[in-house]
């Protein structure tokens, strides 16, 4: 018997060495060793010859590039949890299956959400900068210097109570926060009881009543600017907002204005509207201690990235074994 031909796999970004090694063993894999983001034209050219495309969230796989794909391309195995960068409906029309890597980033992203909450409320970045950027300026402990705000006893309002939102709620409860949430539907009664969570069917009403807003919903057409200028204005002047989901869920211009005017107390952002560009006004606010900004690090753990790569490999192997991949994304549900 002859060995089955390895499928040709095109990987758009540098992945962990362990993942790339395994992919080279199993597939005819073209790697991106230098991790230079591929242009739209380069993606289109690759899709004319490869059988599997492995993109990431930085790749825009729109209807035009999908339509130009060759007939041999049958699978887009995305190295990502979300698939808002892929036109899943266009892929389905072309007969291309799309998969993702869900459920491996939940704990890491929830951890980072809590990190941002602490960083904003306890002024961690400001304190660190005193030592690292102004050496010798610290005069020692003082009863009234660099005062932040206590975590315990606050109300957190979670926007999107899926896996990540629920993981955030569990952590928040352990730190003594009161759990409030808004979701398309209520979570199951057992989870609500465990978390002692209060459900709000009105996002507007929840925003006006909580101290911390945590954005944990997916990016979809329905959630674009879900936190609009009108809704952000409902928040209390003493409240903060944290976003580890997607930048376009918040009206960034409106958020900047509220922070500048002191209408809300602070923001912790791991994602931005025009990544990798960050609005200079946000950078200025961060320098002034009104925001904590991170470069999309929410899921950035070695373990998480390897788990993602394992899921990509499983999806590819299952597909070419003639079975439905476990993480197939259905059209109309991305």
Protein backbone atom coordinates (compact mmCIF):
# COMPACT_ATOMS: atom_id res chain seq x y z
CA UNK A 1 0.00 0.00 0.00
CA UNK A 2 1.22 3.51 -0.76
CA UNK A 3 1.14 6.20 1.86
CA UNK A 4 -1.63 8.75 1.49
CA UNK A 5 -0.47 12.10 0.12
CA UNK A 6 -0.15 14.74 2.78
CA UNK A 7 -2.58 17.66 2.38
CA UNK A 8 -0.94 20.97 1.51
CA UNK A 9 -1.43 23.35 4.43
CA UNK A 10 -0.61 27.08 4.34
CA UNK A 11 -0.05 28.68 7.76
CA UNK A 12 -0.28 32.46 7.77
CA UNK A 13 1.55 33.29 11.03
CA UNK A 14 4.37 31.91 13.18
CA UNK A 15 3.00 29.29 15.59
CA UNK A 16 4.73 27.69 18.61
CA UNK A 17 7.59 25.44 17.55
CA UNK A 18 5.93 22.34 18.95
CA UNK A 19 2.84 22.99 16.84
CA UNK A 20 4.79 23.74 13.67
CA UNK A 21 6.93 20.62 14.08
CA UNK A 22 3.86 18.44 14.41
CA UNK A 23 2.28 20.09 11.38
CA UNK A 24 5.37 19.43 9.27
CA UNK A 25 5.26 15.79 10.34
CA UNK A 26 1.61 15.34 9.43
CA UNK A 27 1.09 17.72 6.52
CA UNK A 28 2.85 19.33 3.59
CA UNK A 29 2.94 22.53 5.64
CA UNK A 30 4.23 25.92 4.52
CA UNK A 31 5.27 27.93 7.57
CA UNK A 32 5.71 31.65 8.17
CA UNK A 33 9.00 31.53 10.06
CA UNK A 34 9.47 35.32 10.14
CA UNK A 35 5.88 35.95 11.29
CA UNK A 36 5.34 38.71 8.72
CA UNK A 37 1.56 39.24 8.29
CA UNK A 38 0.39 38.21 4.84
CA UNK A 39 -1.20 40.78 2.57
CA UNK A 40 -4.64 40.29 1.05
CA UNK A 41 -3.02 39.45 -2.30
CA UNK A 42 -0.65 36.93 -0.70
CA UNK A 43 -3.58 35.20 1.00
CA UNK A 44 -5.45 35.04 -2.29
CA UNK A 45 -2.41 33.57 -4.04
CA UNK A 46 -1.95 30.92 -1.34
CA UNK A 47 -5.61 29.94 -1.52
CA UNK A 48 -5.26 29.19 -5.22
CA UNK A 49 -2.90 26.29 -4.48
CA UNK A 50 -3.26 25.06 -0.90
CA UNK A 51 -5.83 22.54 0.33
CA UNK A 52 -6.02 23.97 3.84
CA UNK A 53 -5.59 27.55 4.97
CA UNK A 54 -4.65 28.12 8.62
CA UNK A 55 -5.28 31.84 9.25
CA UNK A 56 -5.35 33.82 12.47
CA UNK A 57 -7.38 36.79 13.68
CA UNK A 58 -5.05 39.20 11.87
CA UNK A 59 -6.02 37.78 8.46
CA UNK A 60 -9.06 39.18 6.67
CA UNK A 61 -10.61 36.27 4.80
CA UNK A 62 -13.42 38.08 3.06
CA UNK A 63 -15.81 37.08 0.29
CA UNK A 64 -13.48 38.35 -2.45
CA UNK A 65 -10.48 36.29 -1.39
CA UNK A 66 -12.68 33.23 -0.82
CA UNK A 67 -14.26 33.55 -4.26
CA UNK A 68 -10.77 33.61 -5.81
CA UNK A 69 -9.75 30.38 -4.03
CA UNK A 70 -8.90 27.37 -6.14
CA UNK A 71 -11.18 24.31 -6.23
CA UNK A 72 -8.66 22.29 -4.19
CA UNK A 73 -9.17 24.50 -1.09
CA UNK A 74 -11.66 22.64 1.05
CA UNK A 75 -10.86 23.72 4.61
CA UNK A 76 -10.11 26.96 6.47
CA UNK A 77 -8.84 25.80 9.87
CA UNK A 78 -8.56 29.04 11.78
CA UNK A 79 -6.07 29.40 14.62
CA UNK A 80 -8.57 31.42 16.65
CA UNK A 81 -11.57 31.25 18.91
CA UNK A 82 -13.59 33.91 17.08
CA UNK A 83 -14.21 33.81 13.34
CA UNK A 84 -15.28 37.42 12.74
CA UNK A 85 -12.27 37.75 10.40
CA UNK A 86 -13.72 35.08 8.06
CA UNK A 87 -16.79 35.36 5.84
CA UNK A 88 -18.19 31.99 6.87
CA UNK A 89 -21.25 32.33 4.64
CA UNK A 90 -19.10 33.00 1.57
CA UNK A 91 -16.98 29.96 2.42
CA UNK A 92 -20.08 27.78 2.68
CA UNK A 93 -21.29 28.95 -0.72
CA UNK A 94 -17.90 27.94 -2.15
CA UNK A 95 -18.09 24.53 -0.47
CA UNK A 96 -15.30 25.32 2.00
CA UNK A 97 -15.53 24.12 5.60
CA UNK A 98 -14.47 26.54 8.35
CA UNK A 99 -13.24 25.46 11.79
CA UNK A 100 -11.99 27.32 14.85
CA UNK A 101 -10.35 26.55 18.20
CA UNK A 102 -12.96 27.16 20.92
CA UNK A 103 -12.86 26.50 24.66
CA UNK A 104 -9.08 26.63 25.11
CA UNK A 105 -8.70 30.35 25.88
CA UNK A 106 -11.44 30.69 28.48
CA UNK A 107 -9.32 30.57 31.62
CA UNK A 108 -6.47 32.67 30.23
CA UNK A 109 -8.79 35.43 29.04
CA UNK A 110 -10.74 35.41 32.30
CA UNK A 111 -7.46 35.74 34.19
CA UNK A 112 -6.50 38.76 32.10
CA UNK A 113 -9.88 40.36 32.71
CA UNK A 114 -9.26 40.20 36.43
CA UNK A 115 -5.71 41.51 35.95
CA UNK A 116 -7.10 44.59 34.19
CA UNK A 117 -9.72 45.15 36.89
CA UNK A 118 -7.01 45.12 39.54
CA UNK A 119 -4.64 47.23 37.44
CA UNK A 120 -7.23 49.97 36.96
CA UNK A 121 -8.72 50.04 40.44
CA UNK A 122 -5.41 49.67 42.32
CA UNK A 123 -3.38 51.89 39.92
CA UNK A 124 -0.75 49.20 39.38
CA UNK A 125 0.79 50.65 36.20
CA UNK A 126 1.02 54.14 37.68
CA UNK A 127 2.75 52.79 40.76
CA UNK A 128 5.23 50.77 38.73
CA UNK A 129 6.11 53.76 36.57
CA UNK A 130 7.08 55.80 39.62
CA UNK A 131 9.90 53.31 40.25
CA UNK A 132 10.90 52.50 36.67
CA UNK A 133 10.46 55.86 34.91
CA UNK A 134 11.16 58.27 37.77
CA UNK A 135 13.96 56.57 39.73
CA UNK A 136 14.69 58.26 43.02
CA UNK A 137 11.43 60.19 43.06
CA UNK A 138 9.64 57.89 45.51
CA UNK A 139 9.81 59.39 48.98
CA UNK A 140 8.47 56.29 50.72
CA UNK A 141 5.14 55.15 52.09
CA UNK A 142 2.50 57.79 52.74
CA UNK A 143 -1.03 57.42 54.13
CA UNK A 144 -2.65 59.32 51.27
CA UNK A 145 -0.40 58.66 48.29
CA UNK A 146 -1.36 56.56 45.22
CA UNK A 147 -4.71 55.54 46.66
CA UNK A 148 -6.74 53.14 44.59
CA UNK A 149 -10.10 51.58 45.24
CA UNK A 150 -11.03 48.36 47.05
CA UNK A 151 -12.12 45.39 44.91
CA UNK A 152 -14.34 43.53 47.37
CA UNK A 153 -17.89 44.76 47.77
CA UNK A 154 -18.15 46.20 44.27
CA UNK A 155 -20.74 45.18 41.69
CA UNK A 156 -19.46 43.77 38.40
CA UNK A 157 -21.69 43.78 35.33
CA UNK A 158 -20.69 41.14 32.79
CA UNK A 159 -21.75 41.78 29.21
CA UNK A 160 -21.91 38.31 27.65
CA UNK A 161 -22.25 35.39 30.03
CA UNK A 162 -20.77 32.67 27.86
CA UNK A 163 -17.82 30.51 28.86
CA UNK A 164 -15.44 33.43 29.38
CA UNK A 165 -18.04 35.61 31.09
CA UNK A 166 -18.90 32.77 33.46
CA UNK A 167 -15.22 32.17 34.20
CA UNK A 168 -14.83 35.88 34.98
CA UNK A 169 -17.86 35.69 37.28
CA UNK A 170 -16.36 32.80 39.25
CA UNK A 171 -13.12 34.69 39.77
CA UNK A 172 -14.92 37.92 40.62
CA UNK A 173 -17.10 36.18 43.21
CA UNK A 174 -14.00 34.75 44.88
CA UNK A 175 -12.71 38.32 45.29
CA UNK A 176 -15.93 39.43 46.92
CA UNK A 177 -17.65 41.10 44.00
CA UNK A 178 -21.42 40.97 43.50
CA UNK A 179 -22.21 39.37 40.13
CA UNK A 180 -24.59 41.00 37.65
CA UNK A 181 -24.88 40.03 34.00
CA UNK A 182 -26.59 40.76 30.71
CA UNK A 183 -26.90 38.05 28.09
CA UNK A 184 -29.21 37.11 25.22
CA UNK A 185 -30.76 34.60 27.61
CA UNK A 186 -30.38 33.65 31.24
CA UNK A 187 -27.78 31.09 32.23
CA UNK A 188 -29.02 27.89 33.79
CA UNK A 189 -30.46 28.19 37.32
CA UNK A 190 -27.67 26.12 38.89
CA UNK A 191 -25.00 28.51 37.57
CA UNK A 192 -27.01 31.55 38.67
CA UNK A 193 -27.37 30.06 42.13
CA UNK A 194 -23.69 29.12 42.37
CA UNK A 195 -22.61 32.64 41.43
CA UNK A 196 -25.45 34.40 43.26
CA UNK A 197 -25.81 36.26 39.99
CA UNK A 198 -28.42 38.88 39.12
CA UNK A 199 -29.69 38.79 35.53
CA UNK A 200 -30.61 41.98 33.70
CA UNK A 201 -32.57 41.68 30.48
CA UNK A 202 -31.95 45.42 30.02
CA UNK A 203 -28.31 46.25 29.37
CA UNK A 204 -29.09 49.93 29.95
CA UNK A 205 -30.38 49.31 33.44
CA UNK A 206 -27.41 47.13 34.40
CA UNK A 207 -24.85 49.65 33.17
CA UNK A 208 -26.32 52.36 35.39
CA UNK A 209 -26.06 50.22 38.53
CA UNK A 210 -22.68 48.50 38.52
CA UNK A 211 -19.17 49.63 39.48
CA UNK A 212 -17.26 47.51 36.95
CA UNK A 213 -18.34 46.65 33.39
CA UNK A 214 -16.62 43.61 31.87
CA UNK A 215 -17.07 43.09 28.12
CA UNK A 216 -16.97 39.37 27.29
CA UNK A 217 -19.35 38.91 24.34
CA UNK A 218 -18.29 37.89 20.81
CA UNK A 219 -17.89 40.35 17.97
CA UNK A 220 -20.84 40.02 15.58
CA UNK A 221 -22.87 42.51 13.53
CA UNK A 222 -25.33 42.57 16.44
CA UNK A 223 -22.65 43.54 18.98
CA UNK A 224 -20.92 46.23 16.91
CA UNK A 225 -20.82 49.30 19.19
CA UNK A 226 -23.10 47.49 21.62
CA UNK A 227 -21.51 49.79 24.19
CA UNK A 228 -22.54 52.90 22.28
CA UNK A 229 -22.07 56.53 23.28
CA UNK A 230 -25.58 56.55 24.73
CA UNK A 231 -25.01 53.40 26.76
CA UNK A 232 -21.55 54.37 27.99
CA UNK A 233 -23.04 57.63 29.26
CA UNK A 234 -25.30 55.59 31.56
CA UNK A 235 -22.32 54.39 33.60
CA UNK A 236 -21.63 55.95 36.99
CA UNK A 237 -18.78 58.52 37.24
CA UNK A 238 -17.00 56.19 39.69
CA UNK A 239 -17.29 53.10 37.47
CA UNK A 240 -14.72 51.48 35.18
CA UNK A 241 -14.95 49.37 32.03
CA UNK A 242 -12.71 46.45 31.01
CA UNK A 243 -12.64 44.87 27.54
CA UNK A 244 -10.86 41.61 26.68
CA UNK A 245 -13.27 40.65 23.86
CA UNK A 246 -13.08 42.75 20.67
CA UNK A 247 -12.45 46.45 20.20
CA UNK A 248 -15.43 47.16 17.96
CA UNK A 249 -17.93 46.23 20.69
CA UNK A 250 -17.22 49.60 22.34
CA UNK A 251 -17.62 52.97 20.65
CA UNK A 252 -13.99 53.90 21.22
CA UNK A 253 -14.39 57.59 20.39
CA UNK A 254 -17.21 57.91 22.91
CA UNK A 255 -15.19 56.08 25.56
CA UNK A 256 -12.25 58.41 25.02
CA UNK A 257 -14.47 61.44 25.49
CA UNK A 258 -16.00 60.10 28.68
CA UNK A 259 -12.55 59.36 30.12
CA UNK A 260 -11.27 62.81 29.16
CA UNK A 261 -14.29 64.47 30.76
CA UNK A 262 -14.05 62.37 33.93
CA UNK A 263 -17.52 60.93 33.33
CA UNK A 264 -16.20 57.44 34.14
CA UNK A 265 -13.26 56.60 36.40
CA UNK A 266 -11.12 54.42 34.16
CA UNK A 267 -10.78 51.73 31.51
CA UNK A 268 -8.71 48.59 31.02
CA UNK A 269 -8.40 47.63 27.37
CA UNK A 270 -6.70 44.62 25.81
CA UNK A 271 -8.35 45.16 22.42
CA UNK A 272 -8.88 48.17 20.15
CA UNK A 273 -11.05 49.26 17.25
CA UNK A 274 -8.26 49.48 14.66
CA UNK A 275 -5.65 46.97 15.81
CA UNK A 276 -2.70 47.05 15.63
CA UNK A 277 -3.13 50.85 15.58
CA UNK A 278 -4.03 52.40 18.91
CA UNK A 279 -5.72 55.78 19.05
CA UNK A 280 -3.12 58.38 20.24
CA UNK A 281 -5.81 59.87 22.50
CA UNK A 282 -6.02 56.55 24.34
CA UNK A 283 -2.24 56.50 24.74
CA UNK A 284 -2.39 59.99 26.22
CA UNK A 285 -5.12 58.91 28.64
CA UNK A 286 -3.01 55.92 29.67
CA UNK A 287 -0.05 58.22 30.37
CA UNK A 288 -2.37 60.31 32.55
CA UNK A 289 -3.41 57.23 34.55
CA UNK A 290 -6.96 57.13 33.23
CA UNK A 291 -6.59 53.89 31.28
CA UNK A 292 -4.55 50.69 31.29
CA UNK A 293 -3.73 49.43 27.80
CA UNK A 294 -2.39 46.00 26.82
CA UNK A 295 -1.48 44.73 23.32
CA UNK A 296 -4.11 41.97 22.91
CA UNK A 297 -2.48 39.68 25.47
CA UNK A 298 -5.63 38.09 26.91
CA UNK A 299 -5.01 34.63 25.50
CA UNK A 300 -1.23 34.88 25.30
CA UNK A 301 -0.01 31.87 27.24
CA UNK A 302 2.25 29.12 25.94
CA UNK A 303 -0.22 26.48 27.07
CA UNK A 304 -3.13 28.22 25.37
CA UNK A 305 -1.36 28.61 22.04
CA UNK A 306 -0.27 24.96 22.00
CA UNK A 307 -3.82 23.88 22.83
CA UNK A 308 -5.06 26.00 19.91
CA UNK A 309 -2.55 24.38 17.59
CA UNK A 310 -3.61 20.91 18.73
CA UNK A 311 -7.22 21.76 17.86
CA UNK A 312 -6.21 23.00 14.41
CA UNK A 313 -4.36 19.72 13.78
CA UNK A 314 -7.31 17.63 14.99
CA UNK A 315 -9.69 19.56 12.75
CA UNK A 316 -7.47 19.05 9.70
CA UNK A 317 -6.87 15.35 10.33
CA UNK A 318 -10.53 14.65 11.03
CA UNK A 319 -11.57 16.45 7.85
CA UNK A 320 -9.13 14.51 5.65
CA UNK A 321 -10.14 11.26 7.32
CA UNK A 322 -13.57 11.89 5.85
CA UNK A 323 -15.34 12.94 9.05
CA UNK A 324 -16.92 16.16 10.25
CA UNK A 325 -14.33 18.25 12.14
CA UNK A 326 -15.22 18.68 15.83
CA UNK A 327 -14.98 22.47 15.67
CA UNK A 328 -16.83 23.20 12.45
CA UNK A 329 -18.35 26.70 12.30
CA UNK A 330 -21.76 26.68 10.66
CA UNK A 331 -22.78 29.51 8.32
CA UNK A 332 -25.04 32.11 9.85
CA UNK A 333 -23.68 31.41 13.37
CA UNK A 334 -20.31 33.13 13.34
